[in-house]
Amino acid sequence: MEFKRISPDELEDRLIELAFAEDIGDGDHTTLCCIPADAMGKSKLLIKEEGILAGVEVAKKVFDKFDKDLQVDVLINDGEHIKPGDVAMIVTGRVRSLLQTERLMLNIMQRMSGIATMTNKYVKLLEGTNARVLDTRKTTPGLRMFEKQAVKIGGGVNHRIGLFDMILLKDNHVDFAGGIDSAIERCHKYLKDRNLDLKIEIEVRNFDELQQVLNHGGINRIMLDNFSVADTRKAVEIINHRFETESSGGITIDTIRSYAETGVDFISVGALTHSVKGLDMSFKAVK
């Protein structure tokens, strides 16, 4: 099966269209039956939980795509700290449009704000170190672009967006390819044959594999998978800045500081996107 790569903006447009098709179908019969077509009004985005706001720019796209006449007045921008009682935006226009865009906008903004808030907690724990927190591909199918935006808004760093923008030789790739040397050599041949310029990262599971990578070279970053804090510190010393380093595997909000203090460059955390709780907010009519 082959796929065509599309731009982030086009992908976002398609995702919004699909989300409306999923939610509205052949019509929002509840709204259509009781709200006159010419009724005008306004709604406010009311914050009900403390955190970091994310998704404002996406919300503006949602409103514009559904009804270009909706007027969005942004009061709090992406990345700003929010608390219960804050009003992040006021939207004015057709009441039918306000009601039909409400759920999609909230679904996106609640999830993005939850991710940004969680990411920001991890980022603050790294202050004073050189380590940066990375997201992963453990995202909600179809929502990756939004979720990775939220990580950046929260102060984190995006790892690769997908399988197309970086080489990451993980344990299964190495095993199926016949070992580390073979995997790296095949990787370079592939990139040369296709005239591709992509960074190469390789995962190692122990010190023996680490030494094999150091002996071979030809990569940009080494991922230390499921290494303890003590072993991570030792590995970082062995690598000695020859390559970028990344810690991965079961690192939590309770352990991330210890890993950061080993001198590792990056720490990847799947929990930023795969199990985050949405931030509570609502879209209420302004009477």
Protein backbone atom coordinates (compact mmCIF):
# COMPACT_ATOMS: atom_id res chain seq x y z
CA MET A 1 0.00 0.00 0.00
CA GLU A 2 1.34 3.44 -0.95
CA PHE A 3 0.52 6.80 0.59
CA LYS A 4 1.04 10.34 -0.60
CA ARG A 5 2.62 12.79 1.81
CA ILE A 6 0.54 15.94 2.27
CA SER A 7 1.31 19.25 3.93
CA PRO A 8 0.45 19.82 7.61
CA ASP A 9 -2.10 22.51 6.69
CA GLU A 10 -3.87 20.25 4.21
CA LEU A 11 -3.84 17.41 6.72
CA GLU A 12 -5.42 19.64 9.37
CA ASP A 13 -8.12 20.71 6.92
CA ARG A 14 -8.95 17.10 6.11
CA LEU A 15 -9.05 16.14 9.77
CA ILE A 16 -11.48 18.96 10.55
CA GLU A 17 -13.69 17.99 7.61
CA LEU A 18 -13.75 14.35 8.71
CA ALA A 19 -14.54 15.37 12.27
CA PHE A 20 -17.52 17.43 11.14
CA ALA A 21 -18.72 14.57 8.94
CA GLU A 22 -18.43 12.20 11.89
CA ASP A 23 -20.31 14.51 14.27
CA ILE A 24 -22.93 16.25 12.14
CA GLY A 25 -23.63 13.67 9.46
CA ASP A 26 -26.71 14.72 7.46
CA GLY A 27 -27.65 17.41 9.97
CA ASP A 28 -27.73 18.50 13.59
CA HIS A 29 -31.44 17.86 13.95
CA THR A 30 -31.54 19.08 17.55
CA THR A 31 -30.27 22.53 16.57
CA LEU A 32 -32.17 22.70 13.29
CA CYS A 33 -35.51 21.94 14.94
CA CYS A 34 -35.40 24.65 17.61
CA ILE A 35 -33.05 27.43 16.48
CA PRO A 36 -34.16 29.82 13.70
CA ALA A 37 -31.74 30.15 10.80
CA ASP A 38 -31.37 33.90 11.32
CA ALA A 39 -30.83 33.79 15.11
CA MET A 40 -27.62 35.55 16.18
CA GLY A 41 -25.72 35.24 19.43
CA LYS A 42 -22.37 34.79 21.13
CA SER A 43 -20.65 32.13 23.22
CA LYS A 44 -17.63 32.26 25.51
CA LEU A 45 -14.95 29.65 26.11
CA LEU A 46 -14.98 29.31 29.89
CA ILE A 47 -11.94 27.76 31.60
CA LYS A 48 -12.74 25.41 34.49
CA GLU A 49 -9.31 23.99 35.33
CA GLU A 50 -5.81 25.41 35.79
CA GLY A 51 -3.23 24.67 33.14
CA ILE A 52 -1.69 25.76 29.83
CA LEU A 53 -4.03 26.77 27.01
CA ALA A 54 -3.53 25.13 23.63
CA GLY A 55 -5.59 24.82 20.47
CA VAL A 56 -6.68 28.43 19.98
CA GLU A 57 -5.32 28.60 16.44
CA VAL A 58 -6.89 25.27 15.55
CA ALA A 59 -10.21 26.40 17.02
CA LYS A 60 -10.13 29.46 14.77
CA LYS A 61 -9.75 27.10 11.78
CA VAL A 62 -12.70 25.02 12.99
CA PHE A 63 -14.95 28.07 13.21
CA ASP A 64 -13.77 29.50 9.89
CA LYS A 65 -14.17 26.22 8.04
CA PHE A 66 -17.76 25.81 9.23
CA ASP A 67 -18.91 29.43 8.95
CA LYS A 68 -16.62 32.21 7.71
CA ASP A 69 -18.96 34.81 9.20
CA LEU A 70 -18.23 33.75 12.77
CA GLN A 71 -16.23 36.41 14.60
CA VAL A 72 -13.62 35.07 17.03
CA ASP A 73 -12.24 37.41 19.68
CA VAL A 74 -9.24 35.75 21.33
CA LEU A 75 -8.62 36.88 24.90
CA ILE A 76 -5.98 34.31 25.89
CA ASN A 77 -3.43 32.90 23.45
CA ASP A 78 -1.83 29.48 23.03
CA GLY A 79 0.83 28.79 25.64
CA GLU A 80 -0.57 31.11 28.30
CA HIS A 81 -1.36 30.00 31.84
CA ILE A 82 -5.08 29.71 32.58
CA LYS A 83 -7.17 29.26 35.72
CA PRO A 84 -10.83 28.54 36.53
CA GLY A 85 -13.09 31.45 35.60
CA ASP A 86 -10.92 32.75 32.77
CA VAL A 87 -12.60 33.42 29.43
CA ALA A 88 -10.26 32.42 26.60
CA MET A 89 -12.35 33.63 23.66
CA ILE A 90 -15.73 34.98 22.65
CA VAL A 91 -17.32 33.88 19.38
CA THR A 92 -20.15 35.84 17.76
CA GLY A 93 -22.40 34.84 14.86
CA ARG A 94 -25.20 32.51 13.87
CA VAL A 95 -26.44 30.51 16.85
CA ARG A 96 -26.76 27.41 14.70
CA SER A 97 -23.07 27.67 13.83
CA LEU A 98 -22.07 28.20 17.45
CA LEU A 99 -23.93 25.07 18.51
CA GLN A 100 -22.66 22.86 15.69
CA THR A 101 -19.00 23.80 16.14
CA GLU A 102 -19.05 23.60 19.94
CA ARG A 103 -18.20 19.94 20.47
CA LEU A 104 -15.44 19.65 17.86
CA MET A 105 -13.76 22.82 19.12
CA LEU A 106 -13.96 21.63 22.72
CA ASN A 107 -12.72 18.13 21.92
CA ILE A 108 -9.64 19.58 20.23
CA MET A 109 -8.92 22.32 22.75
CA GLN A 110 -9.48 20.18 25.84
CA ARG A 111 -7.11 17.48 24.58
CA MET A 112 -4.48 19.90 23.30
CA SER A 113 -4.59 21.90 26.54
CA GLY A 114 -4.26 18.71 28.57
CA ILE A 115 -1.19 17.72 26.57
CA ALA A 116 0.35 21.20 26.82
CA THR A 117 -0.27 21.24 30.57
CA MET A 118 1.29 17.81 31.09
CA THR A 119 4.26 18.67 28.87
CA ASN A 120 4.86 21.89 30.78
CA LYS A 121 5.04 19.94 34.06
CA TYR A 122 7.79 17.73 32.61
CA VAL A 123 9.61 20.71 31.12
CA LYS A 124 9.73 22.52 34.45
CA LEU A 125 11.30 19.45 36.05
CA LEU A 126 14.19 19.70 33.57
CA GLU A 127 15.07 23.31 34.42
CA GLY A 128 18.76 23.72 35.14
CA THR A 129 19.76 20.74 32.98
CA ASN A 130 20.53 20.48 29.28
CA ALA A 131 17.91 17.79 28.68
CA ARG A 132 14.82 18.42 26.57
CA VAL A 133 11.60 16.43 26.67
CA LEU A 134 10.47 14.71 23.46
CA ASP A 135 7.11 13.37 22.39
CA THR A 136 6.64 10.06 20.54
CA ARG A 137 4.41 8.51 17.86
CA LYS A 138 2.11 7.20 20.60
CA THR A 139 -0.64 9.57 19.52
CA THR A 140 -4.37 9.35 18.84
CA PRO A 141 -4.85 8.12 15.23
CA GLY A 142 -5.78 11.11 13.08
CA LEU A 143 -4.95 13.71 15.73
CA ARG A 144 -1.16 13.58 15.68
CA MET A 145 -0.66 17.00 14.12
CA PHE A 146 -2.77 18.64 16.82
CA GLU A 147 -1.22 16.64 19.65
CA LYS A 148 2.34 17.39 18.57
CA GLN A 149 1.47 21.08 18.26
CA ALA A 150 0.28 20.92 21.86
CA VAL A 151 3.60 19.43 23.00
CA LYS A 152 5.46 22.37 21.45
CA ILE A 153 3.04 24.84 23.02
CA GLY A 154 3.77 23.25 26.39
CA GLY A 155 7.51 23.73 25.89
CA GLY A 156 8.45 20.26 24.66
CA VAL A 157 10.21 19.20 21.47
CA ASN A 158 8.73 17.14 18.65
CA HIS A 159 10.55 13.93 17.82
CA ARG A 160 9.87 12.76 14.28
CA ILE A 161 6.35 13.57 13.06
CA GLY A 162 5.93 10.20 11.38
CA LEU A 163 7.87 7.45 9.68
CA PHE A 164 8.87 9.73 6.82
CA ASP A 165 10.99 12.49 8.36
CA MET A 166 13.69 10.60 10.27
CA ILE A 167 15.35 7.17 10.40
CA LEU A 168 14.89 5.42 13.74
CA LEU A 169 16.41 1.95 13.85
CA LYS A 170 14.64 0.28 16.75
CA ASP A 171 15.26 -3.16 18.25
CA ASN A 172 12.98 -4.96 15.78
CA HIS A 173 14.64 -3.27 12.79
CA VAL A 174 18.06 -4.31 14.09
CA ASP A 175 16.96 -7.89 14.76
CA PHE A 176 15.23 -8.33 11.40
CA ALA A 177 18.14 -6.71 9.55
CA GLY A 178 20.64 -9.12 11.08
CA GLY A 179 22.39 -6.88 13.57
CA ILE A 180 23.54 -3.32 14.16
CA ASP A 181 26.23 -3.16 11.48
CA SER A 182 23.89 -4.51 8.82
CA ALA A 183 21.05 -2.21 9.82
CA ILE A 184 23.22 0.93 9.66
CA GLU A 185 24.85 -0.06 6.37
CA ARG A 186 21.48 -0.82 4.74
CA CYS A 187 20.19 2.50 6.03
CA HIS A 188 22.99 4.47 4.38
CA LYS A 189 22.60 2.61 1.08
CA TYR A 190 18.86 3.32 1.10
CA LEU A 191 19.37 7.04 1.73
CA LYS A 192 22.08 7.29 -0.93
CA ASP A 193 20.07 5.40 -3.55
CA ARG A 194 17.09 7.73 -3.01
CA ASN A 195 19.09 10.92 -2.50
CA LEU A 196 17.50 11.47 0.92
CA ASP A 197 18.98 13.55 3.72
CA LEU A 198 17.50 12.25 6.97
CA LYS A 199 18.94 12.08 10.45
CA ILE A 200 19.63 8.58 11.77
CA GLU A 201 18.92 7.41 15.30
CA ILE A 202 19.49 3.91 16.61
CA GLU A 203 18.18 2.21 19.73
CA VAL A 204 20.49 0.18 21.95
CA ARG A 205 19.40 -2.20 24.70
CA ASN A 206 22.69 -2.78 26.51
CA PHE A 207 26.34 -1.78 26.66
CA ASP A 208 27.38 -4.41 24.12
CA GLU A 209 25.05 -2.89 21.50
CA LEU A 210 26.23 0.58 22.48
CA GLN A 211 29.84 -0.38 21.81
CA GLN A 212 28.87 -1.86 18.43
CA VAL A 213 27.26 1.44 17.45
CA LEU A 214 30.27 3.44 18.63
CA ASN A 215 32.59 1.17 16.68
CA HIS A 216 30.53 1.52 13.51
CA GLY A 217 29.45 5.16 13.66
CA GLY A 218 27.40 6.67 10.86
CA ILE A 219 24.49 7.79 13.01
CA ASN A 220 23.33 11.04 14.65
CA ARG A 221 21.68 9.97 17.89
CA ILE A 222 21.72 6.97 20.21
CA MET A 223 18.58 5.99 22.08
CA LEU A 224 19.29 4.32 25.43
CA ASP A 225 16.26 2.08 25.83
CA ASN A 226 15.21 1.07 29.34
CA PHE A 227 18.59 1.92 30.86
CA SER A 228 18.61 2.60 34.59
CA VAL A 229 19.68 6.04 35.78
CA ALA A 230 23.10 4.72 36.77
CA ASP A 231 23.60 2.95 33.44
CA THR A 232 22.42 6.04 31.57
CA ARG A 233 25.04 8.14 33.32
CA LYS A 234 27.70 5.59 32.45
CA ALA A 235 26.54 5.39 28.81
CA VAL A 236 26.54 9.19 28.43
CA GLU A 237 30.13 9.26 29.73
CA ILE A 238 31.16 6.54 27.27
CA ILE A 239 29.52 8.34 24.32
CA ASN A 240 31.23 11.54 25.44
CA HIS A 241 29.33 13.92 23.10
CA ARG A 242 30.26 11.99 19.96
CA PHE A 243 26.56 11.59 19.23
CA GLU A 244 23.32 12.99 20.61
CA THR A 245 21.80 10.89 23.36
CA GLU A 246 18.19 10.07 24.20
CA SER A 247 16.69 8.20 27.15
CA SER A 248 13.52 6.22 26.54
CA GLY A 249 11.36 3.62 28.20
CA GLY A 250 9.09 3.98 31.20
CA ILE A 251 10.39 7.36 32.32
CA THR A 252 7.82 9.09 34.52
CA ILE A 253 7.27 12.48 36.09
CA ASP A 254 8.88 11.05 39.25
CA THR A 255 12.06 9.85 37.54
CA ILE A 256 12.65 12.31 34.70
CA ARG A 257 14.77 14.70 36.78
CA SER A 258 17.17 11.90 37.74
CA TYR A 259 17.60 10.99 34.06
CA ALA A 260 18.11 14.63 33.08
CA GLU A 261 20.91 14.98 35.61
CA THR A 262 22.88 12.20 33.88
CA GLY A 263 23.71 14.62 31.06
CA VAL A 264 21.48 12.99 28.43
CA ASP A 265 20.36 15.35 25.65
CA PHE A 266 16.77 14.20 25.16
CA ILE A 267 14.18 12.27 27.16
CA SER A 268 11.20 10.82 25.31
CA VAL A 269 7.92 10.44 27.17
CA GLY A 270 5.01 8.62 25.54
CA ALA A 271 2.68 9.66 28.35
CA LEU A 272 2.62 13.23 26.99
CA THR A 273 0.11 12.07 24.38
CA HIS A 274 -1.03 8.50 24.94
CA SER A 275 -2.75 8.78 28.32
CA VAL A 276 -3.23 12.47 29.07
CA LYS A 277 -6.40 13.88 30.63
CA GLY A 278 -8.18 16.69 28.82
CA LEU A 279 -8.35 20.08 30.51
CA ASP A 280 -11.84 21.03 31.66
CA MET A 281 -13.53 23.91 29.82
CA SER A 282 -16.95 24.70 28.34
CA PHE A 283 -18.53 26.84 25.60
CA LYS A 284 -21.38 28.77 27.13
CA ALA A 285 -23.98 31.11 25.67
CA VAL A 286 -23.53 34.76 26.60
CA LYS A 287 -26.98 35.99 27.61
